[in-house]
Amino acid sequence: MKSTLRKPAVTNMRKALYVQFSGGILFSYAVPMMGYWAYGSKVSENLPNELNGPKWAKVLINAAVFVQSIVSQHMFVAPIHEALDTKFFKLDKSMNLKENLKRRFFLRAFFFIANTFVTLAIPFMGDFVNLFGSFSLVPLTFVFPSMIFIKIKGKTARPEKNLWHWFNIIIFSLLAVVTTIAAVRLIFNNVQKYNFFADR
């Protein structure tokens, strides 16, 4: 997000969006499809468990996953961090005050530990990630931008552009419905099979 009053770089942003929604989506779907082709449907959700090879490779993969989870958690829970900061900080003092920095560290650490505890307690936590991703991420990424385009420029845009956006709305709405149903089904199946803190 730009934080200046200068005119946004529309041309560069448009190029980036074209690359993301063509090349980016190709890689996003190619990786799981190739994985399914290579390993089938019986593979564990934790792919490093299925890999044979040197121990250092598994350690490296798990370390990368751990670092990625920390980064993504901090990115996606920024609104929660903001709310916690507002509630627990001394707002009349500097953000770099020792007391505020200490509170920030302990709040972030507590939040991360609590999330980790919940994830360990529910061995099929990945199914909940699938559920939230299916009914929120897919529409927010693919459906709503096309709806906004049609709402704002639908009457003046070329017919092929409108057709493209309607195609996105229909296909990705159906995808969101199907993946949400699949995620709910997975959760129900796993609830019957697993106990809390089970090591599957």
C-alpha atoms as a PDB file:
ATOM      1  CA  MET A   1       0.000   0.000   0.000  1.00  0.00           C
ATOM      2  CA  LYS A   2       1.276   3.409  -0.905  1.00  0.00           C
ATOM      3  CA  SER A   3       1.550   5.925   1.886  1.00  0.00           C
ATOM      4  CA  THR A   4       2.239   8.965  -0.258  1.00  0.00           C
ATOM      5  CA  LEU A   5       0.034  11.470  -2.042  1.00  0.00           C
ATOM      6  CA  ARG A   6       1.741  10.817  -5.361  1.00  0.00           C
ATOM      7  CA  LYS A   7      -0.287   9.277  -8.142  1.00  0.00           C
ATOM      8  CA  PRO A   8      -0.185   5.464  -7.866  1.00  0.00           C
ATOM      9  CA  ALA A   9       1.853   3.511 -10.391  1.00  0.00           C
ATOM     10  CA  VAL A  10      -1.166   2.029 -12.151  1.00  0.00           C
ATOM     11  CA  THR A  11       0.785   0.643 -15.097  1.00  0.00           C
ATOM     12  CA  ASN A  12       3.237  -1.291 -12.948  1.00  0.00           C
ATOM     13  CA  MET A  13       0.476  -2.521 -10.661  1.00  0.00           C
ATOM     14  CA  ARG A  14      -1.512  -3.718 -13.647  1.00  0.00           C
ATOM     15  CA  LYS A  15       1.512  -5.593 -14.997  1.00  0.00           C
ATOM     16  CA  ALA A  16       2.045  -7.213 -11.597  1.00  0.00           C
ATOM     17  CA  LEU A  17      -1.601  -8.265 -11.436  1.00  0.00           C
ATOM     18  CA  TYR A  18      -1.466  -9.745 -14.941  1.00  0.00           C
ATOM     19  CA  VAL A  19       1.603 -11.770 -13.996  1.00  0.00           C
ATOM     20  CA  GLN A  20       0.035 -12.896 -10.713  1.00  0.00           C
ATOM     21  CA  PHE A  21      -3.269 -13.964 -12.228  1.00  0.00           C
ATOM     22  CA  SER A  22      -1.613 -15.803 -15.107  1.00  0.00           C
ATOM     23  CA  GLY A  23       1.856 -17.076 -14.215  1.00  0.00           C
ATOM     24  CA  GLY A  24       1.294 -16.969 -10.458  1.00  0.00           C
ATOM     25  CA  ILE A  25      -1.884 -18.994 -10.558  1.00  0.00           C
ATOM     26  CA  LEU A  26      -0.199 -21.501 -12.849  1.00  0.00           C
ATOM     27  CA  PHE A  27       2.453 -22.248 -10.219  1.00  0.00           C
ATOM     28  CA  SER A  28      -0.065 -22.160  -7.368  1.00  0.00           C
ATOM     29  CA  TYR A  29      -2.074 -24.950  -8.938  1.00  0.00           C
ATOM     30  CA  ALA A  30       0.766 -26.791 -10.667  1.00  0.00           C
ATOM     31  CA  VAL A  31       2.567 -27.646  -7.418  1.00  0.00           C
ATOM     32  CA  PRO A  32      -0.354 -29.451  -5.709  1.00  0.00           C
ATOM     33  CA  MET A  33      -1.365 -31.154  -8.956  1.00  0.00           C
ATOM     34  CA  MET A  34       2.152 -32.464  -9.534  1.00  0.00           C
ATOM     35  CA  GLY A  35       2.314 -33.531  -5.893  1.00  0.00           C
ATOM     36  CA  TYR A  36      -0.939 -35.444  -6.255  1.00  0.00           C
ATOM     37  CA  TRP A  37       0.344 -37.015  -9.461  1.00  0.00           C
ATOM     38  CA  ALA A  38       3.628 -38.013  -7.810  1.00  0.00           C
ATOM     39  CA  TYR A  39       2.362 -39.158  -4.396  1.00  0.00           C
ATOM     40  CA  GLY A  40      -1.357 -39.879  -4.832  1.00  0.00           C
ATOM     41  CA  SER A  41      -4.081 -39.304  -2.262  1.00  0.00           C
ATOM     42  CA  LYS A  42      -2.540 -41.435   0.491  1.00  0.00           C
ATOM     43  CA  VAL A  43       0.266 -39.020   1.258  1.00  0.00           C
ATOM     44  CA  SER A  44       0.518 -37.428   4.692  1.00  0.00           C
ATOM     45  CA  GLU A  45      -0.357 -33.758   5.080  1.00  0.00           C
ATOM     46  CA  ASN A  46       3.138 -33.335   6.475  1.00  0.00           C
ATOM     47  CA  LEU A  47       5.055 -34.057   3.286  1.00  0.00           C
ATOM     48  CA  PRO A  48       8.529 -34.206   4.912  1.00  0.00           C
ATOM     49  CA  ASN A  49       7.351 -37.361   6.709  1.00  0.00           C
ATOM     50  CA  GLU A  50       7.042 -39.039   3.319  1.00  0.00           C
ATOM     51  CA  LEU A  51      10.421 -37.994   1.955  1.00  0.00           C
ATOM     52  CA  ASN A  52      13.445 -40.249   1.990  1.00  0.00           C
ATOM     53  CA  GLY A  53      16.866 -38.749   2.063  1.00  0.00           C
ATOM     54  CA  PRO A  54      19.336 -37.030   4.325  1.00  0.00           C
ATOM     55  CA  LYS A  55      18.200 -35.895   7.741  1.00  0.00           C
ATOM     56  CA  TRP A  56      19.510 -32.368   7.146  1.00  0.00           C
ATOM     57  CA  ALA A  57      17.039 -31.950   4.265  1.00  0.00           C
ATOM     58  CA  LYS A  58      14.088 -32.722   6.545  1.00  0.00           C
ATOM     59  CA  VAL A  59      15.466 -30.374   9.199  1.00  0.00           C
ATOM     60  CA  LEU A  60      15.862 -27.631   6.596  1.00  0.00           C
ATOM     61  CA  ILE A  61      12.307 -28.151   5.280  1.00  0.00           C
ATOM     62  CA  ASN A  62      10.798 -28.091   8.774  1.00  0.00           C
ATOM     63  CA  ALA A  63      12.832 -25.010   9.708  1.00  0.00           C
ATOM     64  CA  ALA A  64      11.596 -23.226   6.581  1.00  0.00           C
ATOM     65  CA  VAL A  65       7.995 -24.142   7.445  1.00  0.00           C
ATOM     66  CA  PHE A  66       8.481 -22.867  10.995  1.00  0.00           C
ATOM     67  CA  VAL A  67       9.943 -19.548   9.840  1.00  0.00           C
ATOM     68  CA  GLN A  68       7.193 -19.169   7.242  1.00  0.00           C
ATOM     69  CA  SER A  69       4.535 -19.795   9.895  1.00  0.00           C
ATOM     70  CA  ILE A  70       5.996 -17.082  12.132  1.00  0.00           C
ATOM     71  CA  VAL A  71       6.167 -14.585   9.260  1.00  0.00           C
ATOM     72  CA  SER A  72       2.672 -15.365   7.990  1.00  0.00           C
ATOM     73  CA  GLN A  73       1.197 -15.249  11.477  1.00  0.00           C
ATOM     74  CA  HIS A  74       2.655 -11.810  12.099  1.00  0.00           C
ATOM     75  CA  MET A  75       1.398 -10.624   8.733  1.00  0.00           C
ATOM     76  CA  PHE A  76      -2.138 -11.972   8.982  1.00  0.00           C
ATOM     77  CA  VAL A  77      -2.754 -11.150  12.631  1.00  0.00           C
ATOM     78  CA  ALA A  78      -1.549  -7.565  12.377  1.00  0.00           C
ATOM     79  CA  PRO A  79      -5.055  -6.255  13.251  1.00  0.00           C
ATOM     80  CA  ILE A  80      -5.059  -8.374  16.419  1.00  0.00           C
ATOM     81  CA  HIS A  81      -1.605  -7.096  17.325  1.00  0.00           C
ATOM     82  CA  GLU A  82      -2.835  -3.554  16.762  1.00  0.00           C
ATOM     83  CA  ALA A  83      -5.815  -4.134  19.059  1.00  0.00           C
ATOM     84  CA  LEU A  84      -3.592  -5.661  21.757  1.00  0.00           C
ATOM     85  CA  ASP A  85      -1.149  -2.769  21.467  1.00  0.00           C
ATOM     86  CA  THR A  86      -3.965  -0.252  21.821  1.00  0.00           C
ATOM     87  CA  LYS A  87      -5.334  -2.018  24.882  1.00  0.00           C
ATOM     88  CA  PHE A  88      -2.107  -2.743  26.765  1.00  0.00           C
ATOM     89  CA  PHE A  89       0.390  -0.064  25.719  1.00  0.00           C
ATOM     90  CA  LYS A  90       0.984   3.242  27.416  1.00  0.00           C
ATOM     91  CA  LEU A  91      -0.283   5.236  24.464  1.00  0.00           C
ATOM     92  CA  ASP A  92       0.703   8.600  25.902  1.00  0.00           C
ATOM     93  CA  LYS A  93       4.344   7.461  25.854  1.00  0.00           C
ATOM     94  CA  SER A  94       6.692   6.627  22.989  1.00  0.00           C
ATOM     95  CA  MET A  95       6.271   3.291  21.215  1.00  0.00           C
ATOM     96  CA  ASN A  96       9.994   2.730  21.793  1.00  0.00           C
ATOM     97  CA  LEU A  97       9.661   3.153  25.533  1.00  0.00           C
ATOM     98  CA  LYS A  98      11.238   0.215  27.352  1.00  0.00           C
ATOM     99  CA  GLU A  99       7.943  -0.651  29.041  1.00  0.00           C
ATOM    100  CA  ASN A 100       6.052  -0.645  25.729  1.00  0.00           C
ATOM    101  CA  LEU A 101       8.712  -2.749  24.021  1.00  0.00           C
ATOM    102  CA  LYS A 102       8.591  -5.254  26.873  1.00  0.00           C
ATOM    103  CA  ARG A 103       4.801  -5.440  26.658  1.00  0.00           C
ATOM    104  CA  ARG A 104       4.962  -5.865  22.893  1.00  0.00           C
ATOM    105  CA  PHE A 105       7.433  -8.736  23.207  1.00  0.00           C
ATOM    106  CA  PHE A 106       5.390 -10.573  25.838  1.00  0.00           C
ATOM    107  CA  LEU A 107       2.069  -9.998  24.050  1.00  0.00           C
ATOM    108  CA  ARG A 108       3.474 -11.312  20.767  1.00  0.00           C
ATOM    109  CA  ALA A 109       5.127 -14.269  22.509  1.00  0.00           C
ATOM    110  CA  PHE A 110       1.940 -15.138  24.413  1.00  0.00           C
ATOM    111  CA  PHE A 111      -0.150 -14.900  21.259  1.00  0.00           C
ATOM    112  CA  PHE A 112       2.252 -17.105  19.302  1.00  0.00           C
ATOM    113  CA  ILE A 113       2.450 -19.679  22.119  1.00  0.00           C
ATOM    114  CA  ALA A 114      -1.351 -19.747  22.422  1.00  0.00           C
ATOM    115  CA  ASN A 115      -1.697 -20.305  18.669  1.00  0.00           C
ATOM    116  CA  THR A 116       0.916 -23.045  18.776  1.00  0.00           C
ATOM    117  CA  PHE A 117      -0.868 -24.712  21.709  1.00  0.00           C
ATOM    118  CA  VAL A 118      -4.204 -24.712  19.862  1.00  0.00           C
ATOM    119  CA  THR A 119      -2.531 -26.096  16.749  1.00  0.00           C
ATOM    120  CA  LEU A 120      -0.902 -28.885  18.755  1.00  0.00           C
ATOM    121  CA  ALA A 121      -4.162 -29.652  20.548  1.00  0.00           C
ATOM    122  CA  ILE A 122      -6.062 -30.114  17.297  1.00  0.00           C
ATOM    123  CA  PRO A 123      -4.049 -32.456  15.070  1.00  0.00           C
ATOM    124  CA  PHE A 124      -6.199 -31.648  12.032  1.00  0.00           C
ATOM    125  CA  MET A 125      -5.789 -27.883  12.355  1.00  0.00           C
ATOM    126  CA  GLY A 126      -4.809 -27.770   8.691  1.00  0.00           C
ATOM    127  CA  ASP A 127      -8.410 -28.630   7.839  1.00  0.00           C
ATOM    128  CA  PHE A 128      -9.560 -25.423   9.534  1.00  0.00           C
ATOM    129  CA  VAL A 129      -6.980 -23.503   7.527  1.00  0.00           C
ATOM    130  CA  ASN A 130      -8.468 -25.109   4.409  1.00  0.00           C
ATOM    131  CA  LEU A 131     -11.950 -24.091   5.520  1.00  0.00           C
ATOM    132  CA  PHE A 132     -11.098 -20.443   6.152  1.00  0.00           C
ATOM    133  CA  GLY A 133      -9.038 -20.257   2.993  1.00  0.00           C
ATOM    134  CA  SER A 134     -11.781 -21.744   0.865  1.00  0.00           C
ATOM    135  CA  PHE A 135     -14.575 -19.382   1.850  1.00  0.00           C
ATOM    136  CA  SER A 136     -12.503 -16.259   2.445  1.00  0.00           C
ATOM    137  CA  LEU A 137      -9.255 -16.299   0.483  1.00  0.00           C
ATOM    138  CA  VAL A 138     -10.666 -17.480  -2.852  1.00  0.00           C
ATOM    139  CA  PRO A 139     -13.517 -14.928  -2.970  1.00  0.00           C
ATOM    140  CA  LEU A 140     -11.336 -12.086  -1.704  1.00  0.00           C
ATOM    141  CA  THR A 141      -8.585 -12.833  -4.200  1.00  0.00           C
ATOM    142  CA  PHE A 142     -10.531 -13.708  -7.332  1.00  0.00           C
ATOM    143  CA  VAL A 143     -14.254 -12.950  -7.009  1.00  0.00           C
ATOM    144  CA  PHE A 144     -14.477  -9.553  -5.308  1.00  0.00           C
ATOM    145  CA  PRO A 145     -11.958  -7.763  -7.566  1.00  0.00           C
ATOM    146  CA  SER A 146     -13.954  -8.849 -10.607  1.00  0.00           C
ATOM    147  CA  MET A 147     -17.203  -7.781  -8.948  1.00  0.00           C
ATOM    148  CA  ILE A 148     -15.702  -4.381  -8.213  1.00  0.00           C
ATOM    149  CA  PHE A 149     -14.542  -4.049 -11.813  1.00  0.00           C
ATOM    150  CA  ILE A 150     -18.020  -4.864 -13.138  1.00  0.00           C
ATOM    151  CA  LYS A 151     -19.636  -2.470 -10.668  1.00  0.00           C
ATOM    152  CA  ILE A 152     -17.322   0.419 -11.556  1.00  0.00           C
ATOM    153  CA  LYS A 153     -16.431  -0.119 -15.208  1.00  0.00           C
ATOM    154  CA  GLY A 154     -18.897  -2.751 -16.356  1.00  0.00           C
ATOM    155  CA  LYS A 155     -20.974  -0.417 -18.525  1.00  0.00           C
ATOM    156  CA  THR A 156     -18.015   1.203 -20.272  1.00  0.00           C
ATOM    157  CA  ALA A 157     -15.610  -1.751 -20.513  1.00  0.00           C
ATOM    158  CA  ARG A 158     -15.117  -3.850 -23.618  1.00  0.00           C
ATOM    159  CA  PRO A 159     -17.344  -6.955 -23.784  1.00  0.00           C
ATOM    160  CA  GLU A 160     -14.396  -9.369 -23.596  1.00  0.00           C
ATOM    161  CA  LYS A 161     -13.242  -7.755 -20.336  1.00  0.00           C
ATOM    162  CA  ASN A 162     -16.708  -8.079 -18.842  1.00  0.00           C
ATOM    163  CA  LEU A 163     -16.856 -11.673 -20.034  1.00  0.00           C
ATOM    164  CA  TRP A 164     -13.477 -12.386 -18.418  1.00  0.00           C
ATOM    165  CA  HIS A 165     -14.593 -10.936 -15.094  1.00  0.00           C
ATOM    166  CA  TRP A 166     -17.894 -12.812 -15.163  1.00  0.00           C
ATOM    167  CA  PHE A 167     -15.926 -15.973 -15.912  1.00  0.00           C
ATOM    168  CA  ASN A 168     -13.761 -15.307 -12.831  1.00  0.00           C
ATOM    169  CA  ILE A 169     -16.811 -14.650 -10.664  1.00  0.00           C
ATOM    170  CA  ILE A 170     -18.619 -17.826 -11.699  1.00  0.00           C
ATOM    171  CA  ILE A 171     -15.661 -20.230 -11.744  1.00  0.00           C
ATOM    172  CA  PHE A 172     -14.072 -19.065  -8.507  1.00  0.00           C
ATOM    173  CA  SER A 173     -17.418 -18.836  -6.703  1.00  0.00           C
ATOM    174  CA  LEU A 174     -18.041 -22.459  -7.633  1.00  0.00           C
ATOM    175  CA  LEU A 175     -14.501 -23.312  -6.547  1.00  0.00           C
ATOM    176  CA  ALA A 176     -15.098 -21.596  -3.196  1.00  0.00           C
ATOM    177  CA  VAL A 177     -18.322 -23.556  -2.640  1.00  0.00           C
ATOM    178  CA  VAL A 178     -16.767 -26.902  -3.593  1.00  0.00           C
ATOM    179  CA  THR A 179     -13.628 -26.395  -1.509  1.00  0.00           C
ATOM    180  CA  THR A 180     -15.667 -25.210   1.485  1.00  0.00           C
ATOM    181  CA  ILE A 181     -17.805 -28.352   1.321  1.00  0.00           C
ATOM    182  CA  ALA A 182     -14.666 -30.492   1.031  1.00  0.00           C
ATOM    183  CA  ALA A 183     -13.052 -28.741   4.006  1.00  0.00           C
ATOM    184  CA  VAL A 184     -16.155 -29.212   6.183  1.00  0.00           C
ATOM    185  CA  ARG A 185     -16.271 -32.881   5.177  1.00  0.00           C
ATOM    186  CA  LEU A 186     -12.606 -33.309   6.126  1.00  0.00           C
ATOM    187  CA  ILE A 187     -13.223 -31.716   9.519  1.00  0.00           C
ATOM    188  CA  PHE A 188     -16.181 -34.019  10.245  1.00  0.00           C
ATOM    189  CA  ASN A 189     -14.190 -37.078   9.182  1.00  0.00           C
ATOM    190  CA  ASN A 190     -11.191 -36.123  11.292  1.00  0.00           C
ATOM    191  CA  VAL A 191     -13.244 -35.227  14.374  1.00  0.00           C
ATOM    192  CA  GLN A 192     -14.414 -38.838  14.509  1.00  0.00           C
ATOM    193  CA  LYS A 193     -10.909 -40.272  14.140  1.00  0.00           C
ATOM    194  CA  TYR A 194      -8.621 -38.138  16.282  1.00  0.00           C
ATOM    195  CA  ASN A 195      -8.195 -37.132  19.893  1.00  0.00           C
ATOM    196  CA  PHE A 196      -6.716 -33.948  21.289  1.00  0.00           C
ATOM    197  CA  PHE A 197      -2.917 -33.831  21.145  1.00  0.00           C
ATOM    198  CA  ALA A 198      -2.878 -36.981  19.008  1.00  0.00           C
ATOM    199  CA  ASP A 199       0.281 -37.511  17.015  1.00  0.00           C
ATOM    200  CA  ARG A 200      -1.023 -38.737  13.734  1.00  0.00           C
END
